Amino acid sequence: MEAKNKCLGNKANTIESLQSQVKRLEAQSHVLAKSQTTLEFVITSTGLGIWDWEVQTGKAVFNERWANILGYTLEELSPVSIETWMQLAHPEDLEESDRLLKELWAGKSHVYMFESRMKHKDGHWVWVYDTGQVIEWESDGVPKRMIGTHLDITEKQGTIAKLDEANKRLKELSYVDALTKIPNKRAYDEKLSSQIAETKRSKNSLSFLLIDVDNFKDYNDNYGHGKGDDILLGVAQIIQNTLRRKTDFVARLGGDEMAVILPHTDIAGATIIAKRVQQALFDEKENRPFNGLREKLTLSIGISSSQMGADSLFEHADAALYMAKKQGRNRIEIYANGKD
């Protein structure tokens, strides 16, 4: 009887233990089911494409959303493999993707993250943010299995492109003088510096004009600052229109002073351009904003050349301009051989 009771006791304990295990498994199953539901909700709400790749065999599993990002159903792309992804990826992006994967497999990074272009069914390119991790290794440095996600970021890339264009436009505006609509002092500084460096390398001639509106203060005093601004705008546009080569460059340095940088131009060529500028102003004096100023509005111009020192172009032209004004204005003077 005692042995029988002991046997029944052991059986009861076993049943109780099994029941306890069943309850734990049911609880774990409930948690897993809840987690699965949450995961599915996250995937659906974020629009994530999911991929599971057996690296060594090339076999890959993708979810429906991955295909939808590219305008397909998963059935239309079946059977799928890593080759499917490679055929749809932009050829220029494959090399960078391969580099990032090799870094991950070599332990230089922990996560594969890459923004690439994928070919949409209708022919345009879709920007996709691709992430992934190795979850199984065959041996050190040999990946067996990776899983990851795809997210459509085309709209984001479009916004970035618009922002880049806006920033580019803003930068361009920051190099333009608001009054005269020609490049400003900032643009001039960069242009002169780069042009001098290029001239020293190439040994080509570089000439420089420094232009001043004669007695400009008088125009502001007699006609008002509004008229003075109109005159500066008109003079700047005349100079810019007189320059015939794309490499020629004019900028407003401040006040009524403007500079012209003339690459691949010697003193003789610079003098011809200076005379054209003066003649163009004379020809326009009967037109707005110069009407009524035919005999009064003139320009003094100082000329220098890299033949007398590229680093001193401004100083030499400024000295020549001073001489032009000193000798009565409405003149062109050349700085030559260290003498005004």
Foldseek 3Di string as FASTA:
>chain_A
DVVVVVVVVVVVVVVVVVVVVVVVVVVVVVVVVVVVVVVVVVCVVQLKKKKKAFVVVQAMDIDQSVLVLQPHGVVVQPPDGNVSQVVFWDPVCPVVQVVQVLCCLLVVDAKRWDWTWGAHPVGDTWTKIKIKGQPDAPDRSRGGMMMIIIGTCRVVVVVVVVVVVVVVVVVVVVQADPLQRFGEQVVVVVLLVVLLVVCVVVVAKKKKKKKAKPPLVVCCVPPNVVLSSFVLNVLSVLLVVLDDDPSWGKYAHDDRIIMIIDTNDDPVRVVVSVVSSQVSCLVCLCDPPNNPCNPPIAMQMFMEMCVVPSVCNPVQSVVQSVVCVVVPHNYYGYRPPNHD
